[in-house]
Amino acid sequence: MSGAVRSNDGRVYVVKGDTHKEKVVKVENEVDERSGDVRETRIHLDRFVPVIRAIDFTPGSDTFGDVLVIR
């Protein structure tokens, strides 16, 4: 996603979208009740995260030129 966007109330933004990958690690522990041994299982997951950045280009706006980040 990229380009200029105009809202119904007249605000104008230039937007650029991107996606990046984050690693998520989940750790699970199991205890063998007879021997007391502990087994650890690590699960690595990829999570794709969209990120949209927008610059306020609304003439006369208090936030003109500010960069907004939407995750």
PDB file of N, CA and C in Angstrom:
ATOM      1  N   MET A   1       0.845  -1.154   0.000  1.00  0.00           N
ATOM      2  CA  MET A   1       0.000   0.000   0.000  1.00  0.00           C
ATOM      3  C   MET A   1       0.896   1.224   0.000  1.00  0.00           C
ATOM      4  N   SER A   2       0.627   2.156  -0.890  1.00  0.00           N
ATOM      5  CA  SER A   2       1.353   3.420  -0.877  1.00  0.00           C
ATOM      6  C   SER A   2       0.587   4.430  -1.720  1.00  0.00           C
ATOM      7  N   GLY A   3       0.809   5.708  -1.426  1.00  0.00           N
ATOM      8  CA  GLY A   3       0.168   6.769  -2.183  1.00  0.00           C
ATOM      9  C   GLY A   3      -0.489   7.790  -1.279  1.00  0.00           C
ATOM     10  N   ALA A   4      -1.244   8.685  -1.889  1.00  0.00           N
ATOM     11  CA  ALA A   4      -1.944   9.731  -1.153  1.00  0.00           C
ATOM     12  C   ALA A   4      -3.363   9.268  -0.835  1.00  0.00           C
ATOM     13  N   VAL A   5      -3.827   9.627   0.358  1.00  0.00           N
ATOM     14  CA  VAL A   5      -5.165   9.257   0.805  1.00  0.00           C
ATOM     15  C   VAL A   5      -5.845  10.517   1.335  1.00  0.00           C
ATOM     16  N   ARG A   6      -7.096  10.715   0.923  1.00  0.00           N
ATOM     17  CA  ARG A   6      -7.881  11.855   1.414  1.00  0.00           C
ATOM     18  C   ARG A   6      -9.107  11.298   2.140  1.00  0.00           C
ATOM     19  N   SER A   7      -9.309  11.749   3.375  1.00  0.00           N
ATOM     20  CA  SER A   7     -10.463  11.273   4.147  1.00  0.00           C
ATOM     21  C   SER A   7     -11.692  12.113   3.818  1.00  0.00           C
ATOM     22  N   ASN A   8     -12.845  11.662   4.286  1.00  0.00           N
ATOM     23  CA  ASN A   8     -14.104  12.383   4.044  1.00  0.00           C
ATOM     24  C   ASN A   8     -14.117  13.772   4.670  1.00  0.00           C
ATOM     25  N   ASP A   9     -13.362  13.964   5.759  1.00  0.00           N
ATOM     26  CA  ASP A   9     -13.345  15.275   6.412  1.00  0.00           C
ATOM     27  C   ASP A   9     -12.240  16.190   5.877  1.00  0.00           C
ATOM     28  N   GLY A  10     -11.550  15.781   4.789  1.00  0.00           N
ATOM     29  CA  GLY A  10     -10.579  16.652   4.129  1.00  0.00           C
ATOM     30  C   GLY A  10      -9.132  16.458   4.520  1.00  0.00           C
ATOM     31  N   ARG A  11      -8.851  15.581   5.478  1.00  0.00           N
ATOM     32  CA  ARG A  11      -7.452  15.347   5.849  1.00  0.00           C
ATOM     33  C   ARG A  11      -6.741  14.606   4.721  1.00  0.00           C
ATOM     34  N   VAL A  12      -5.460  14.954   4.508  1.00  0.00           N
ATOM     35  CA  VAL A  12      -4.670  14.353   3.437  1.00  0.00           C
ATOM     36  C   VAL A  12      -3.434  13.714   4.052  1.00  0.00           C
ATOM     37  N   TYR A  13      -3.188  12.453   3.684  1.00  0.00           N
ATOM     38  CA  TYR A  13      -2.016  11.732   4.174  1.00  0.00           C
ATOM     39  C   TYR A  13      -1.298  11.082   3.001  1.00  0.00           C
ATOM     40  N   VAL A  14       0.017  11.040   3.087  1.00  0.00           N
ATOM     41  CA  VAL A  14       0.809  10.229   2.172  1.00  0.00           C
ATOM     42  C   VAL A  14       1.176   8.983   2.958  1.00  0.00           C
ATOM     43  N   VAL A  15       0.815   7.810   2.431  1.00  0.00           N
ATOM     44  CA  VAL A  15       0.997   6.566   3.186  1.00  0.00           C
ATOM     45  C   VAL A  15       1.932   5.616   2.460  1.00  0.00           C
ATOM     46  N   LYS A  16       2.603   4.804   3.254  1.00  0.00           N
ATOM     47  CA  LYS A  16       3.477   3.748   2.746  1.00  0.00           C
ATOM     48  C   LYS A  16       3.322   2.570   3.689  1.00  0.00           C
ATOM     49  N   GLY A  17       3.008   1.410   3.138  1.00  0.00           N
ATOM     50  CA  GLY A  17       2.827   0.215   3.951  1.00  0.00           C
ATOM     51  C   GLY A  17       3.921  -0.795   3.683  1.00  0.00           C
ATOM     52  N   ASP A  18       4.195  -1.600   4.685  1.00  0.00           N
ATOM     53  CA  ASP A  18       5.230  -2.623   4.584  1.00  0.00           C
ATOM     54  C   ASP A  18       4.866  -3.745   5.553  1.00  0.00           C
ATOM     55  N   THR A  19       5.521  -4.876   5.387  1.00  0.00           N
ATOM     56  CA  THR A  19       5.333  -6.008   6.288  1.00  0.00           C
ATOM     57  C   THR A  19       6.698  -6.541   6.674  1.00  0.00           C
ATOM     58  N   HIS A  20       6.882  -6.839   7.963  1.00  0.00           N
ATOM     59  CA  HIS A  20       8.128  -7.476   8.383  1.00  0.00           C
ATOM     60  C   HIS A  20       7.800  -8.692   9.244  1.00  0.00           C
ATOM     61  N   LYS A  21       8.810  -9.535   9.379  1.00  0.00           N
ATOM     62  CA  LYS A  21       8.622 -10.793  10.105  1.00  0.00           C
ATOM     63  C   LYS A  21       9.234 -10.679  11.500  1.00  0.00           C
ATOM     64  N   GLU A  22       8.480 -11.102  12.508  1.00  0.00           N
ATOM     65  CA  GLU A  22       8.970 -11.172  13.883  1.00  0.00           C
ATOM     66  C   GLU A  22       8.943 -12.622  14.332  1.00  0.00           C
ATOM     67  N   LYS A  23       9.922 -13.001  15.144  1.00  0.00           N
ATOM     68  CA  LYS A  23       9.963 -14.349  15.725  1.00  0.00           C
ATOM     69  C   LYS A  23       9.299 -14.318  17.092  1.00  0.00           C
ATOM     70  N   VAL A  24       8.458 -15.300  17.333  1.00  0.00           N
ATOM     71  CA  VAL A  24       7.808 -15.460  18.635  1.00  0.00           C
ATOM     72  C   VAL A  24       8.231 -16.821  19.174  1.00  0.00           C
ATOM     73  N   VAL A  25       8.735 -16.834  20.411  1.00  0.00           N
ATOM     74  CA  VAL A  25       9.187 -18.084  21.022  1.00  0.00           C
ATOM     75  C   VAL A  25       8.265 -18.419  22.187  1.00  0.00           C
ATOM     76  N   LYS A  26       7.728 -19.633  22.153  1.00  0.00           N
ATOM     77  CA  LYS A  26       6.865 -20.123  23.233  1.00  0.00           C
ATOM     78  C   LYS A  26       7.590 -21.289  23.894  1.00  0.00           C
ATOM     79  N   VAL A  27       7.692 -21.260  25.216  1.00  0.00           N
ATOM     80  CA  VAL A  27       8.393 -22.305  25.964  1.00  0.00           C
ATOM     81  C   VAL A  27       7.383 -23.072  26.808  1.00  0.00           C
ATOM     82  N   GLU A  28       7.419 -24.405  26.667  1.00  0.00           N
ATOM     83  CA  GLU A  28       6.543 -25.271  27.461  1.00  0.00           C
ATOM     84  C   GLU A  28       7.413 -26.240  28.256  1.00  0.00           C
ATOM     85  N   ASN A  29       7.111 -26.395  29.527  1.00  0.00           N
ATOM     86  CA  ASN A  29       7.839 -27.329  30.387  1.00  0.00           C
ATOM     87  C   ASN A  29       6.907 -28.437  30.847  1.00  0.00           C
ATOM     88  N   GLU A  30       7.414 -29.675  30.789  1.00  0.00           N
ATOM     89  CA  GLU A  30       6.670 -30.832  31.281  1.00  0.00           C
ATOM     90  C   GLU A  30       7.535 -31.539  32.315  1.00  0.00           C
ATOM     91  N   VAL A  31       6.916 -31.964  33.405  1.00  0.00           N
ATOM     92  CA  VAL A  31       7.633 -32.675  34.458  1.00  0.00           C
ATOM     93  C   VAL A  31       7.153 -34.120  34.483  1.00  0.00           C
ATOM     94  N   ASP A  32       8.116 -35.057  34.419  1.00  0.00           N
ATOM     95  CA  ASP A  32       7.796 -36.488  34.550  1.00  0.00           C
ATOM     96  C   ASP A  32       7.615 -36.747  36.038  1.00  0.00           C
ATOM     97  N   GLU A  33       6.409 -37.106  36.429  1.00  0.00           N
ATOM     98  CA  GLU A  33       6.095 -37.237  37.847  1.00  0.00           C
ATOM     99  C   GLU A  33       6.843 -38.388  38.517  1.00  0.00           C
ATOM    100  N   ARG A  34       7.169 -39.417  37.759  1.00  0.00           N
ATOM    101  CA  ARG A  34       7.882 -40.549  38.358  1.00  0.00           C
ATOM    102  C   ARG A  34       9.360 -40.238  38.594  1.00  0.00           C
ATOM    103  N   SER A  35      10.029 -39.706  37.571  1.00  0.00           N
ATOM    104  CA  SER A  35      11.476 -39.494  37.707  1.00  0.00           C
ATOM    105  C   SER A  35      11.828 -38.066  38.120  1.00  0.00           C
ATOM    106  N   GLY A  36      10.892 -37.137  37.954  1.00  0.00           N
ATOM    107  CA  GLY A  36      11.174 -35.745  38.290  1.00  0.00           C
ATOM    108  C   GLY A  36      11.915 -35.002  37.183  1.00  0.00           C
ATOM    109  N   ASP A  37      12.157 -35.687  36.056  1.00  0.00           N
ATOM    110  CA  ASP A  37      12.833 -35.038  34.931  1.00  0.00           C
ATOM    111  C   ASP A  37      11.935 -33.957  34.335  1.00  0.00           C
ATOM    112  N   VAL A  38      12.584 -32.897  33.850  1.00  0.00           N
ATOM    113  CA  VAL A  38      11.867 -31.792  33.223  1.00  0.00           C
ATOM    114  C   VAL A  38      12.213 -31.780  31.746  1.00  0.00           C
ATOM    115  N   ARG A  39      11.176 -31.707  30.913  1.00  0.00           N
ATOM    116  CA  ARG A  39      11.376 -31.619  29.467  1.00  0.00           C
ATOM    117  C   ARG A  39      10.913 -30.234  29.021  1.00  0.00           C
ATOM    118  N   GLU A  40      11.805 -29.509  28.338  1.00  0.00           N
ATOM    119  CA  GLU A  40      11.471 -28.176  27.847  1.00  0.00           C
ATOM    120  C   GLU A  40      11.306 -28.234  26.338  1.00  0.00           C
ATOM    121  N   THR A  41      10.207 -27.693  25.853  1.00  0.00           N
ATOM    122  CA  THR A  41       9.937 -27.629  24.424  1.00  0.00           C
ATOM    123  C   THR A  41       9.852 -26.165  24.028  1.00  0.00           C
ATOM    124  N   ARG A  42      10.631 -25.791  23.017  1.00  0.00           N
ATOM    125  CA  ARG A  42      10.597 -24.418  22.507  1.00  0.00           C
ATOM    126  C   ARG A  42       9.960 -24.425  21.122  1.00  0.00           C
ATOM    127  N   ILE A  43       8.976 -23.580  20.952  1.00  0.00           N
ATOM    128  CA  ILE A  43       8.275 -23.462  19.681  1.00  0.00           C
ATOM    129  C   ILE A  43       8.570 -22.076  19.118  1.00  0.00           C
ATOM    130  N   HIS A  44       9.162 -22.034  17.940  1.00  0.00           N
ATOM    131  CA  HIS A  44       9.484 -20.770  17.271  1.00  0.00           C
ATOM    132  C   HIS A  44       8.465 -20.541  16.158  1.00  0.00           C
ATOM    133  N   LEU A  45       7.783 -19.420  16.240  1.00  0.00           N
ATOM    134  CA  LEU A  45       6.769 -19.084  15.243  1.00  0.00           C
ATOM    135  C   LEU A  45       7.155 -17.794  14.532  1.00  0.00           C
ATOM    136  N   ASP A  46       6.858 -17.720  13.237  1.00  0.00           N
ATOM    137  CA  ASP A  46       7.029 -16.486  12.483  1.00  0.00           C
ATOM    138  C   ASP A  46       5.703 -15.749  12.479  1.00  0.00           C
ATOM    139  N   ARG A  47       5.753 -14.469  12.792  1.00  0.00           N
ATOM    140  CA  ARG A  47       4.556 -13.635  12.751  1.00  0.00           C
ATOM    141  C   ARG A  47       4.840 -12.491  11.776  1.00  0.00           C
ATOM    142  N   PHE A  48       3.965 -12.329  10.801  1.00  0.00           N
ATOM    143  CA  PHE A  48       4.114 -11.256   9.833  1.00  0.00           C
ATOM    144  C   PHE A  48       3.312 -10.053  10.307  1.00  0.00           C
ATOM    145  N   VAL A  49       4.003  -8.924  10.464  1.00  0.00           N
ATOM    146  CA  VAL A  49       3.407  -7.738  11.058  1.00  0.00           C
ATOM    147  C   VAL A  49       3.325  -6.623  10.006  1.00  0.00           C
ATOM    148  N   PRO A  50       2.109  -6.167   9.690  1.00  0.00           N
ATOM    149  CA  PRO A  50       1.998  -5.037   8.768  1.00  0.00           C
ATOM    150  C   PRO A  50       2.280  -3.731   9.508  1.00  0.00           C
ATOM    151  N   VAL A  51       2.975  -2.824   8.840  1.00  0.00           N
ATOM    152  CA  VAL A  51       3.263  -1.504   9.400  1.00  0.00           C
ATOM    153  C   VAL A  51       2.896  -0.476   8.343  1.00  0.00           C
ATOM    154  N   ILE A  52       2.081   0.508   8.729  1.00  0.00           N
ATOM    155  CA  ILE A  52       1.694   1.576   7.824  1.00  0.00           C
ATOM    156  C   ILE A  52       2.197   2.888   8.410  1.00  0.00           C
ATOM    157  N   ARG A  53       2.924   3.641   7.597  1.00  0.00           N
ATOM    158  CA  ARG A  53       3.404   4.968   7.994  1.00  0.00           C
ATOM    159  C   ARG A  53       2.673   6.002   7.155  1.00  0.00           C
ATOM    160  N   ALA A  54       2.267   7.087   7.792  1.00  0.00           N
ATOM    161  CA  ALA A  54       1.559   8.147   7.085  1.00  0.00           C
ATOM    162  C   ALA A  54       2.118   9.498   7.511  1.00  0.00           C
ATOM    163  N   ILE A  55       2.282  10.395   6.545  1.00  0.00           N
ATOM    164  CA  ILE A  55       2.702  11.776   6.827  1.00  0.00           C
ATOM    165  C   ILE A  55       1.477  12.656   6.612  1.00  0.00           C
ATOM    166  N   ASP A  56       1.191  13.506   7.595  1.00  0.00           N
ATOM    167  CA  ASP A  56       0.040  14.401   7.492  1.00  0.00           C
ATOM    168  C   ASP A  56       0.388  15.535   6.525  1.00  0.00           C
ATOM    169  N   PHE A  57      -0.341  15.612   5.415  1.00  0.00           N
ATOM    170  CA  PHE A  57      -0.144  16.665   4.426  1.00  0.00           C
ATOM    171  C   PHE A  57      -1.371  17.569   4.335  1.00  0.00           C
ATOM    172  N   THR A  58      -2.140  17.635   5.407  1.00  0.00           N
ATOM    173  CA  THR A  58      -3.337  18.467   5.428  1.00  0.00           C
ATOM    174  C   THR A  58      -2.933  19.930   5.585  1.00  0.00           C
ATOM    175  N   PRO A  59      -3.240  20.789   4.592  1.00  0.00           N
ATOM    176  CA  PRO A  59      -2.874  22.205   4.701  1.00  0.00           C
ATOM    177  C   PRO A  59      -3.492  22.845   5.947  1.00  0.00           C
ATOM    178  N   GLY A  60      -2.692  23.572   6.715  1.00  0.00           N
ATOM    179  CA  GLY A  60      -3.167  24.268   7.909  1.00  0.00           C
ATOM    180  C   GLY A  60      -3.361  23.391   9.131  1.00  0.00           C
ATOM    181  N   SER A  61      -3.023  22.109   9.045  1.00  0.00           N
ATOM    182  CA  SER A  61      -3.210  21.197  10.166  1.00  0.00           C
ATOM    183  C   SER A  61      -2.159  21.430  11.237  1.00  0.00           C
ATOM    184  N   ASP A  62      -2.562  21.262  12.513  1.00  0.00           N
ATOM    185  CA  ASP A  62      -1.598  21.375  13.620  1.00  0.00           C
ATOM    186  C   ASP A  62      -0.555  20.261  13.558  1.00  0.00           C
ATOM    187  N   THR A  63      -0.898  19.160  12.924  1.00  0.00           N
ATOM    188  CA  THR A  63       0.023  18.021  12.844  1.00  0.00           C
ATOM    189  C   THR A  63       0.661  17.896  11.452  1.00  0.00           C
ATOM    190  N   PHE A  64       0.642  18.972  10.669  1.00  0.00           N
ATOM    191  CA  PHE A  64       1.225  18.964   9.328  1.00  0.00           C
ATOM    192  C   PHE A  64       2.688  18.514   9.393  1.00  0.00           C
ATOM    193  N   GLY A  65       3.024  17.501   8.617  1.00  0.00           N
ATOM    194  CA  GLY A  65       4.395  16.987   8.581  1.00  0.00           C
ATOM    195  C   GLY A  65       4.689  15.910   9.595  1.00  0.00           C
ATOM    196  N   ASP A  66       3.777  15.664  10.526  1.00  0.00           N
ATOM    197  CA  ASP A  66       3.992  14.613  11.521  1.00  0.00           C
ATOM    198  C   ASP A  66       3.858  13.241  10.867  1.00  0.00           C
ATOM    199  N   VAL A  67       4.659  12.301  11.367  1.00  0.00           N
ATOM    200  CA  VAL A  67       4.602  10.923  10.864  1.00  0.00           C
ATOM    201  C   VAL A  67       3.811  10.079  11.851  1.00  0.00           C
ATOM    202  N   LEU A  68       2.806   9.377  11.345  1.00  0.00           N
ATOM    203  CA  LEU A  68       2.001   8.469  12.152  1.00  0.00           C
ATOM    204  C   LEU A  68       2.380   7.052  11.790  1.00  0.00           C
ATOM    205  N   VAL A  69       2.456   6.167  12.785  1.00  0.00           N
ATOM    206  CA  VAL A  69       2.774   4.760  12.543  1.00  0.00           C
ATOM    207  C   VAL A  69       1.630   3.917  13.056  1.00  0.00           C
ATOM    208  N   ILE A  70       1.126   3.040  12.175  1.00  0.00           N
ATOM    209  CA  ILE A  70       0.035   2.130  12.543  1.00  0.00           C
ATOM    210  C   ILE A  70       0.584   0.721  12.451  1.00  0.00           C
ATOM    211  N   ARG A  71       0.525  -0.011  13.555  1.00  0.00           N
ATOM    212  CA  ARG A  71       0.989  -1.410  13.590  1.00  0.00           C
ATOM    213  C   ARG A  71      -0.175  -2.298  13.842  1.00  0.00           C
TER     214      ARG A  71
END
